[in-house]
PDB file of N, CA and C in Angstrom:
ATOM      1  N   UNK A   1     129.943  -0.386  -8.453  1.00  0.00           N
ATOM      2  CA  UNK A   1     128.932  -0.165  -7.427  1.00  0.00           C
ATOM      3  C   UNK A   1     129.598  -0.403  -6.045  1.00  0.00           C
ATOM      4  N   UNK A   2     128.899   0.042  -5.062  1.00  0.00           N
ATOM      5  CA  UNK A   2     129.369  -0.124  -3.701  1.00  0.00           C
ATOM      6  C   UNK A   2     129.311   1.196  -2.955  1.00  0.00           C
ATOM      7  N   UNK A   3     130.027   1.284  -1.818  1.00  0.00           N
ATOM      8  CA  UNK A   3     129.974   2.491  -1.023  1.00  0.00           C
ATOM      9  C   UNK A   3     131.203   2.512  -0.111  1.00  0.00           C
ATOM     10  N   UNK A   4     131.507   3.709   0.349  1.00  0.00           N
ATOM     11  CA  UNK A   4     132.575   3.896   1.341  1.00  0.00           C
ATOM     12  C   UNK A   4     131.923   3.932   2.722  1.00  0.00           C
ATOM     13  N   UNK A   5     132.603   3.378   3.711  1.00  0.00           N
ATOM     14  CA  UNK A   5     132.153   3.447   5.112  1.00  0.00           C
ATOM     15  C   UNK A   5     133.356   3.874   5.911  1.00  0.00           C
ATOM     16  N   UNK A   6     133.119   4.252   7.151  1.00  0.00           N
ATOM     17  CA  UNK A   6     134.211   4.686   8.017  1.00  0.00           C
ATOM     18  C   UNK A   6     135.199   3.534   8.180  1.00  0.00           C
ATOM     19  N   UNK A   7     136.406   3.691   7.658  1.00  0.00           N
ATOM     20  CA  UNK A   7     137.419   2.647   7.784  1.00  0.00           C
ATOM     21  C   UNK A   7     137.476   1.657   6.673  1.00  0.00           C
ATOM     22  N   UNK A   8     136.792   1.920   5.572  1.00  0.00           N
ATOM     23  CA  UNK A   8     136.866   0.984   4.475  1.00  0.00           C
ATOM     24  C   UNK A   8     135.916   1.221   3.343  1.00  0.00           C
ATOM     25  N   UNK A   9     135.690   0.185   2.535  1.00  0.00           N
ATOM     26  CA  UNK A   9     134.860   0.298   1.355  1.00  0.00           C
ATOM     27  C   UNK A   9     134.172  -1.037   1.039  1.00  0.00           C
ATOM     28  N   UNK A  10     132.921  -0.952   0.651  1.00  0.00           N
ATOM     29  CA  UNK A  10     132.171  -2.121   0.193  1.00  0.00           C
ATOM     30  C   UNK A  10     132.174  -2.102  -1.335  1.00  0.00           C
ATOM     31  N   UNK A  11     132.470  -3.237  -1.921  1.00  0.00           N
ATOM     32  CA  UNK A  11     132.564  -3.337  -3.391  1.00  0.00           C
ATOM     33  C   UNK A  11     131.609  -4.448  -3.873  1.00  0.00           C
ATOM     34  N   UNK A  12     130.781  -4.120  -4.831  1.00  0.00           N
ATOM     35  CA  UNK A  12     129.911  -5.093  -5.492  1.00  0.00           C
ATOM     36  C   UNK A  12     130.754  -5.609  -6.648  1.00  0.00           C
ATOM     37  N   UNK A  13     131.293  -6.836  -6.524  1.00  0.00           N
ATOM     38  CA  UNK A  13     132.167  -7.387  -7.523  1.00  0.00           C
ATOM     39  C   UNK A  13     131.388  -8.368  -8.352  1.00  0.00           C
ATOM     40  N   UNK A  14     130.859  -7.921  -9.477  1.00  0.00           N
ATOM     41  CA  UNK A  14     130.077  -8.791 -10.352  1.00  0.00           C
ATOM     42  C   UNK A  14     130.949  -9.843 -11.051  1.00  0.00           C
ATOM     43  N   UNK A  15     132.209  -9.583 -11.263  1.00  0.00           N
ATOM     44  CA  UNK A  15     133.082 -10.522 -11.931  1.00  0.00           C
ATOM     45  C   UNK A  15     133.176 -11.846 -11.187  1.00  0.00           C
ATOM     46  N   UNK A  16     133.241 -11.778  -9.870  1.00  0.00           N
ATOM     47  CA  UNK A  16     133.342 -13.035  -9.108  1.00  0.00           C
ATOM     48  C   UNK A  16     132.078 -13.270  -8.252  1.00  0.00           C
ATOM     49  N   UNK A  17     131.018 -12.464  -8.517  1.00  0.00           N
ATOM     50  CA  UNK A  17     129.725 -12.618  -7.871  1.00  0.00           C
ATOM     51  C   UNK A  17     129.851 -12.564  -6.340  1.00  0.00           C
ATOM     52  N   UNK A  18     130.515 -11.494  -5.835  1.00  0.00           N
ATOM     53  CA  UNK A  18     130.740 -11.350  -4.377  1.00  0.00           C
ATOM     54  C   UNK A  18     130.454  -9.915  -3.972  1.00  0.00           C
ATOM     55  N   UNK A  19     129.942  -9.758  -2.786  1.00  0.00           N
ATOM     56  CA  UNK A  19     129.936  -8.490  -2.067  1.00  0.00           C
ATOM     57  C   UNK A  19     131.169  -8.513  -1.179  1.00  0.00           C
ATOM     58  N   UNK A  20     132.094  -7.579  -1.402  1.00  0.00           N
ATOM     59  CA  UNK A  20     133.374  -7.573  -0.700  1.00  0.00           C
ATOM     60  C   UNK A  20     133.480  -6.372   0.210  1.00  0.00           C
ATOM     61  N   UNK A  21     134.011  -6.582   1.408  1.00  0.00           N
ATOM     62  CA  UNK A  21     134.266  -5.522   2.382  1.00  0.00           C
ATOM     63  C   UNK A  21     135.759  -5.419   2.578  1.00  0.00           C
ATOM     64  N   UNK A  22     136.323  -4.280   2.192  1.00  0.00           N
ATOM     65  CA  UNK A  22     137.727  -4.017   2.388  1.00  0.00           C
ATOM     66  C   UNK A  22     137.885  -2.987   3.513  1.00  0.00           C
ATOM     67  N   UNK A  23     138.728  -3.363   4.494  1.00  0.00           N
ATOM     68  CA  UNK A  23     138.954  -2.502   5.658  1.00  0.00           C
ATOM     69  C   UNK A  23     140.329  -1.899   5.577  1.00  0.00           C
ATOM     70  N   UNK A  24     140.490  -0.648   6.050  1.00  0.00           N
ATOM     71  CA  UNK A  24     141.766   0.004   6.090  1.00  0.00           C
ATOM     72  C   UNK A  24     142.687  -0.655   7.114  1.00  0.00           C
ATOM     73  N   UNK A  25     142.126  -1.162   8.188  1.00  0.00           N
ATOM     74  CA  UNK A  25     142.869  -1.888   9.210  1.00  0.00           C
ATOM     75  C   UNK A  25     142.102  -3.171   9.565  1.00  0.00           C
ATOM     76  N   UNK A  26     142.825  -4.132  10.058  1.00  0.00           N
ATOM     77  CA  UNK A  26     142.175  -5.405  10.427  1.00  0.00           C
ATOM     78  C   UNK A  26     141.074  -5.212  11.454  1.00  0.00           C
ATOM     79  N   UNK A  27     139.857  -5.724  11.175  1.00  0.00           N
ATOM     80  CA  UNK A  27     138.802  -5.584  12.165  1.00  0.00           C
ATOM     81  C   UNK A  27     139.107  -6.385  13.413  1.00  0.00           C
ATOM     82  N   UNK A  28     138.620  -5.861  14.575  1.00  0.00           N
ATOM     83  CA  UNK A  28     138.839  -6.606  15.805  1.00  0.00           C
ATOM     84  C   UNK A  28     137.996  -7.870  15.859  1.00  0.00           C
ATOM     85  N   UNK A  29     138.193  -8.662  16.875  1.00  0.00           N
ATOM     86  CA  UNK A  29     137.534  -9.981  16.989  1.00  0.00           C
ATOM     87  C   UNK A  29     136.008  -9.811  17.032  1.00  0.00           C
ATOM     88  N   UNK A  30     135.534  -8.823  17.729  1.00  0.00           N
ATOM     89  CA  UNK A  30     134.066  -8.610  17.825  1.00  0.00           C
ATOM     90  C   UNK A  30     133.466  -8.298  16.419  1.00  0.00           C
ATOM     91  N   UNK A  31     134.134  -7.469  15.680  1.00  0.00           N
ATOM     92  CA  UNK A  31     133.604  -7.150  14.321  1.00  0.00           C
ATOM     93  C   UNK A  31     133.711  -8.374  13.433  1.00  0.00           C
ATOM     94  N   UNK A  32     134.787  -9.110  13.542  1.00  0.00           N
ATOM     95  CA  UNK A  32     134.938 -10.334  12.726  1.00  0.00           C
ATOM     96  C   UNK A  32     133.786 -11.302  13.046  1.00  0.00           C
ATOM     97  N   UNK A  33     133.405 -11.428  14.297  1.00  0.00           N
ATOM     98  CA  UNK A  33     132.308 -12.271  14.694  1.00  0.00           C
ATOM     99  C   UNK A  33     130.959 -11.795  14.109  1.00  0.00           C
ATOM    100  N   UNK A  34     130.768 -10.491  14.092  1.00  0.00           N
ATOM    101  CA  UNK A  34     129.565  -9.976  13.470  1.00  0.00           C
ATOM    102  C   UNK A  34     129.525 -10.293  11.983  1.00  0.00           C
ATOM    103  N   UNK A  35     130.635 -10.099  11.316  1.00  0.00           N
ATOM    104  CA  UNK A  35     130.698 -10.435   9.880  1.00  0.00           C
ATOM    105  C   UNK A  35     130.388 -11.891   9.615  1.00  0.00           C
ATOM    106  N   UNK A  36     130.958 -12.789  10.411  1.00  0.00           N
ATOM    107  CA  UNK A  36     130.711 -14.212  10.268  1.00  0.00           C
ATOM    108  C   UNK A  36     129.239 -14.508  10.477  1.00  0.00           C
ATOM    109  N   UNK A  37     128.615 -13.904  11.481  1.00  0.00           N
ATOM    110  CA  UNK A  37     127.198 -14.139  11.735  1.00  0.00           C
ATOM    111  C   UNK A  37     126.331 -13.683  10.555  1.00  0.00           C
ATOM    112  N   UNK A  38     126.796 -12.694   9.824  1.00  0.00           N
ATOM    113  CA  UNK A  38     126.061 -12.158   8.690  1.00  0.00           C
ATOM    114  C   UNK A  38     126.426 -12.897   7.389  1.00  0.00           C
ATOM    115  N   UNK A  39     127.216 -13.968   7.482  1.00  0.00           N
ATOM    116  CA  UNK A  39     127.502 -14.787   6.321  1.00  0.00           C
ATOM    117  C   UNK A  39     128.750 -14.458   5.570  1.00  0.00           C
ATOM    118  N   UNK A  40     129.587 -13.560   6.078  1.00  0.00           N
ATOM    119  CA  UNK A  40     130.819 -13.176   5.432  1.00  0.00           C
ATOM    120  C   UNK A  40     131.939 -14.093   5.849  1.00  0.00           C
ATOM    121  N   UNK A  41     132.887 -14.295   4.909  1.00  0.00           N
ATOM    122  CA  UNK A  41     134.080 -15.108   5.193  1.00  0.00           C
ATOM    123  C   UNK A  41     135.297 -14.314   4.749  1.00  0.00           C
ATOM    124  N   UNK A  42     136.387 -14.525   5.451  1.00  0.00           N
ATOM    125  CA  UNK A  42     137.674 -13.878   5.086  1.00  0.00           C
ATOM    126  C   UNK A  42     138.256 -14.610   3.898  1.00  0.00           C
ATOM    127  N   UNK A  43     138.666 -13.845   2.865  1.00  0.00           N
ATOM    128  CA  UNK A  43     139.301 -14.377   1.694  1.00  0.00           C
ATOM    129  C   UNK A  43     140.704 -13.832   1.644  1.00  0.00           C
ATOM    130  N   UNK A  44     141.724 -14.618   2.034  1.00  0.00           N
ATOM    131  CA  UNK A  44     143.110 -14.122   1.958  1.00  0.00           C
ATOM    132  C   UNK A  44     143.497 -13.777   0.519  1.00  0.00           C
ATOM    133  N   UNK A  45     142.986 -14.542  -0.420  1.00  0.00           N
ATOM    134  CA  UNK A  45     143.336 -14.291  -1.836  1.00  0.00           C
ATOM    135  C   UNK A  45     142.847 -12.927  -2.272  1.00  0.00           C
ATOM    136  N   UNK A  46     141.628 -12.566  -1.856  1.00  0.00           N
ATOM    137  CA  UNK A  46     141.055 -11.287  -2.276  1.00  0.00           C
ATOM    138  C   UNK A  46     141.408 -10.145  -1.295  1.00  0.00           C
ATOM    139  N   UNK A  47     141.852 -10.517  -0.068  1.00  0.00           N
ATOM    140  CA  UNK A  47     142.140  -9.510   0.905  1.00  0.00           C
ATOM    141  C   UNK A  47     140.898  -8.786   1.421  1.00  0.00           C
ATOM    142  N   UNK A  48     139.786  -9.554   1.422  1.00  0.00           N
ATOM    143  CA  UNK A  48     138.492  -8.944   1.799  1.00  0.00           C
ATOM    144  C   UNK A  48     137.621  -9.923   2.514  1.00  0.00           C
ATOM    145  N   UNK A  49     136.674  -9.380   3.302  1.00  0.00           N
ATOM    146  CA  UNK A  49     135.596 -10.151   3.826  1.00  0.00           C
ATOM    147  C   UNK A  49     134.556 -10.153   2.690  1.00  0.00           C
ATOM    148  N   UNK A  50     133.998 -11.337   2.410  1.00  0.00           N
ATOM    149  CA  UNK A  50     133.080 -11.394   1.293  1.00  0.00           C
ATOM    150  C   UNK A  50     132.040 -12.488   1.478  1.00  0.00           C
ATOM    151  N   UNK A  51     130.946 -12.358   0.689  1.00  0.00           N
ATOM    152  CA  UNK A  51     129.949 -13.397   0.606  1.00  0.00           C
ATOM    153  C   UNK A  51     129.342 -13.314  -0.763  1.00  0.00           C
ATOM    154  N   UNK A  52     128.589 -14.364  -1.112  1.00  0.00           N
ATOM    155  CA  UNK A  52     127.966 -14.414  -2.439  1.00  0.00           C
ATOM    156  C   UNK A  52     127.086 -13.161  -2.634  1.00  0.00           C
ATOM    157  N   UNK A  53     127.196 -12.587  -3.842  1.00  0.00           N
ATOM    158  CA  UNK A  53     126.399 -11.396  -4.146  1.00  0.00           C
ATOM    159  C   UNK A  53     124.992 -11.767  -4.491  1.00  0.00           C
ATOM    160  N   UNK A  54     124.090 -11.446  -3.604  1.00  0.00           N
ATOM    161  CA  UNK A  54     122.652 -11.618  -3.832  1.00  0.00           C
ATOM    162  C   UNK A  54     121.886 -10.617  -2.954  1.00  0.00           C
ATOM    163  N   UNK A  55     120.584 -10.630  -3.082  1.00  0.00           N
ATOM    164  CA  UNK A  55     119.807  -9.679  -2.285  1.00  0.00           C
ATOM    165  C   UNK A  55     120.069  -9.846  -0.778  1.00  0.00           C
ATOM    166  N   UNK A  56     120.213 -11.099  -0.352  1.00  0.00           N
ATOM    167  CA  UNK A  56     120.418 -11.320   1.091  1.00  0.00           C
ATOM    168  C   UNK A  56     121.727 -10.735   1.575  1.00  0.00           C
ATOM    169  N   UNK A  57     122.748 -10.695   0.760  1.00  0.00           N
ATOM    170  CA  UNK A  57     124.008 -10.046   1.164  1.00  0.00           C
ATOM    171  C   UNK A  57     123.826  -8.574   1.405  1.00  0.00           C
ATOM    172  N   UNK A  58     123.084  -7.908   0.541  1.00  0.00           N
ATOM    173  CA  UNK A  58     122.840  -6.494   0.669  1.00  0.00           C
ATOM    174  C   UNK A  58     121.999  -6.202   1.921  1.00  0.00           C
ATOM    175  N   UNK A  59     120.952  -7.017   2.095  1.00  0.00           N
ATOM    176  CA  UNK A  59     120.114  -6.887   3.287  1.00  0.00           C
ATOM    177  C   UNK A  59     120.875  -7.123   4.561  1.00  0.00           C
ATOM    178  N   UNK A  60     121.803  -8.091   4.546  1.00  0.00           N
ATOM    179  CA  UNK A  60     122.587  -8.410   5.735  1.00  0.00           C
ATOM    180  C   UNK A  60     123.419  -7.219   6.202  1.00  0.00           C
ATOM    181  N   UNK A  61     124.030  -6.474   5.271  1.00  0.00           N
ATOM    182  CA  UNK A  61     124.882  -5.373   5.693  1.00  0.00           C
ATOM    183  C   UNK A  61     124.067  -4.180   6.180  1.00  0.00           C
ATOM    184  N   UNK A  62     122.763  -4.156   5.899  1.00  0.00           N
ATOM    185  CA  UNK A  62     121.936  -3.143   6.498  1.00  0.00           C
ATOM    186  C   UNK A  62     121.997  -3.171   8.035  1.00  0.00           C
ATOM    187  N   UNK A  63     122.297  -4.329   8.583  1.00  0.00           N
ATOM    188  CA  UNK A  63     122.313  -4.554  10.055  1.00  0.00           C
ATOM    189  C   UNK A  63     123.720  -4.614  10.652  1.00  0.00           C
ATOM    190  N   UNK A  64     124.702  -4.168   9.854  1.00  0.00           N
ATOM    191  CA  UNK A  64     126.084  -4.134  10.336  1.00  0.00           C
ATOM    192  C   UNK A  64     126.477  -2.646  10.389  1.00  0.00           C
ATOM    193  N   UNK A  65     126.354  -2.080  11.588  1.00  0.00           N
ATOM    194  CA  UNK A  65     126.546  -0.619  11.759  1.00  0.00           C
ATOM    195  C   UNK A  65     127.862  -0.101  11.268  1.00  0.00           C
ATOM    196  N   UNK A  66     128.955  -0.878  11.418  1.00  0.00           N
ATOM    197  CA  UNK A  66     130.272  -0.365  11.083  1.00  0.00           C
ATOM    198  C   UNK A  66     130.542  -0.390   9.581  1.00  0.00           C
ATOM    199  N   UNK A  67     129.641  -0.850   8.769  1.00  0.00           N
ATOM    200  CA  UNK A  67     129.849  -0.783   7.286  1.00  0.00           C
ATOM    201  C   UNK A  67     128.742   0.058   6.612  1.00  0.00           C
ATOM    202  N   UNK A  68     128.057   0.813   7.390  1.00  0.00           N
ATOM    203  CA  UNK A  68     127.020   1.671   6.807  1.00  0.00           C
ATOM    204  C   UNK A  68     127.622   2.783   5.983  1.00  0.00           C
ATOM    205  N   UNK A  69     127.015   3.149   4.882  1.00  0.00           N
ATOM    206  CA  UNK A  69     127.548   4.176   4.001  1.00  0.00           C
ATOM    207  C   UNK A  69     127.751   5.522   4.721  1.00  0.00           C
ATOM    208  N   UNK A  70     128.774   6.264   4.307  1.00  0.00           N
ATOM    209  CA  UNK A  70     129.104   7.534   4.931  1.00  0.00           C
ATOM    210  C   UNK A  70     127.963   8.561   4.808  1.00  0.00           C
ATOM    211  N   UNK A  71     127.170   8.434   3.767  1.00  0.00           N
ATOM    212  CA  UNK A  71     126.092   9.414   3.537  1.00  0.00           C
ATOM    213  C   UNK A  71     124.847   9.145   4.394  1.00  0.00           C
ATOM    214  N   UNK A  72     124.898   8.069   5.180  1.00  0.00           N
ATOM    215  CA  UNK A  72     123.790   7.783   6.103  1.00  0.00           C
ATOM    216  C   UNK A  72     122.689   6.928   5.542  1.00  0.00           C
ATOM    217  N   UNK A  73     122.726   6.664   4.239  1.00  0.00           N
ATOM    218  CA  UNK A  73     121.683   5.797   3.633  1.00  0.00           C
ATOM    219  C   UNK A  73     121.970   4.344   3.998  1.00  0.00           C
ATOM    220  N   UNK A  74     120.995   3.520   3.759  1.00  0.00           N
ATOM    221  CA  UNK A  74     121.154   2.087   3.930  1.00  0.00           C
ATOM    222  C   UNK A  74     121.731   1.457   2.672  1.00  0.00           C
ATOM    223  N   UNK A  75     122.493   0.377   2.770  1.00  0.00           N
ATOM    224  CA  UNK A  75     123.019  -0.256   1.533  1.00  0.00           C
ATOM    225  C   UNK A  75     121.932  -0.636   0.556  1.00  0.00           C
ATOM    226  N   UNK A  76     120.770  -1.048   1.004  1.00  0.00           N
ATOM    227  CA  UNK A  76     119.731  -1.413   0.067  1.00  0.00           C
ATOM    228  C   UNK A  76     119.193  -0.197  -0.744  1.00  0.00           C
ATOM    229  N   UNK A  77     119.381   1.009  -0.178  1.00  0.00           N
ATOM    230  CA  UNK A  77     118.989   2.208  -0.918  1.00  0.00           C
ATOM    231  C   UNK A  77     119.979   2.575  -2.029  1.00  0.00           C
ATOM    232  N   UNK A  78     121.196   2.102  -1.903  1.00  0.00           N
ATOM    233  CA  UNK A  78     122.251   2.459  -2.850  1.00  0.00           C
ATOM    234  C   UNK A  78     122.310   1.516  -4.043  1.00  0.00           C
ATOM    235  N   UNK A  79     121.776   0.349  -3.895  1.00  0.00           N
ATOM    236  CA  UNK A  79     121.883  -0.653  -4.958  1.00  0.00           C
ATOM    237  C   UNK A  79     120.728  -0.520  -5.932  1.00  0.00           C
ATOM    238  N   UNK A  80     120.955  -0.748  -7.209  1.00  0.00           N
ATOM    239  CA  UNK A  80     119.890  -0.632  -8.187  1.00  0.00           C
ATOM    240  C   UNK A  80     118.833  -1.706  -7.944  1.00  0.00           C
ATOM    241  N   UNK A  81     117.620  -1.417  -8.247  1.00  0.00           N
ATOM    242  CA  UNK A  81     116.554  -2.371  -8.081  1.00  0.00           C
ATOM    243  C   UNK A  81     116.652  -3.446  -9.172  1.00  0.00           C
ATOM    244  N   UNK A  82     116.213  -4.643  -8.837  1.00  0.00           N
ATOM    245  CA  UNK A  82     116.228  -5.720  -9.810  1.00  0.00           C
ATOM    246  C   UNK A  82     115.172  -5.427 -10.834  1.00  0.00           C
ATOM    247  N   UNK A  83     115.403  -5.768 -12.084  1.00  0.00           N
ATOM    248  CA  UNK A  83     114.425  -5.520 -13.139  1.00  0.00           C
ATOM    249  C   UNK A  83     113.129  -6.209 -12.780  1.00  0.00           C
ATOM    250  N   UNK A  84     111.997  -5.540 -13.046  1.00  0.00           N
ATOM    251  CA  UNK A  84     110.690  -6.126 -12.808  1.00  0.00           C
ATOM    252  C   UNK A  84     110.329  -7.063 -13.940  1.00  0.00           C
ATOM    253  N   UNK A  85     109.761  -8.189 -13.545  1.00  0.00           N
ATOM    254  CA  UNK A  85     109.306  -9.129 -14.579  1.00  0.00           C
ATOM    255  C   UNK A  85     107.979  -8.666 -15.159  1.00  0.00           C
ATOM    256  N   UNK A  86     107.779  -8.956 -16.421  1.00  0.00           N
ATOM    257  CA  UNK A  86     106.516  -8.625 -17.082  1.00  0.00           C
ATOM    258  C   UNK A  86     105.438  -9.519 -16.506  1.00  0.00           C
ATOM    259  N   UNK A  87     104.412  -8.888 -15.919  1.00  0.00           N
ATOM    260  CA  UNK A  87     103.316  -9.648 -15.341  1.00  0.00           C
ATOM    261  C   UNK A  87     102.071  -9.585 -16.198  1.00  0.00           C
ATOM    262  N   UNK A  88     102.243  -9.339 -17.484  1.00  0.00           N
ATOM    263  CA  UNK A  88     101.138  -9.223 -18.397  1.00  0.00           C
ATOM    264  C   UNK A  88     100.401 -10.529 -18.558  1.00  0.00           C
ATOM    265  N   UNK A  89      99.306 -10.496 -19.287  1.00  0.00           N
ATOM    266  CA  UNK A  89      98.464 -11.710 -19.470  1.00  0.00           C
ATOM    267  C   UNK A  89      99.236 -12.755 -20.240  1.00  0.00           C
ATOM    268  N   UNK A  90      98.952 -13.983 -19.916  1.00  0.00           N
ATOM    269  CA  UNK A  90      99.596 -15.115 -20.597  1.00  0.00           C
ATOM    270  C   UNK A  90      98.635 -15.854 -21.455  1.00  0.00           C
TER     271      UNK A  90
END
């Protein structure tokens, strides 16, 4: 899962429970600041900006213009919906 954006790719890495952002070139200081404000941290080991994979991570990247999907959709539109819980009578 994930998406391509101008200058990189977002990867939903279930193995390590992270949303990872891989850039073709090192982001400038302003972009790094935006990523930090949205809860992302640089991981030298992974070579990616990443944060814990949860709904908040996907919602956060909706507001980071430079990682929006190439097809113009929002990241929340690309990710599968969480399974609905059975709300039947108890």
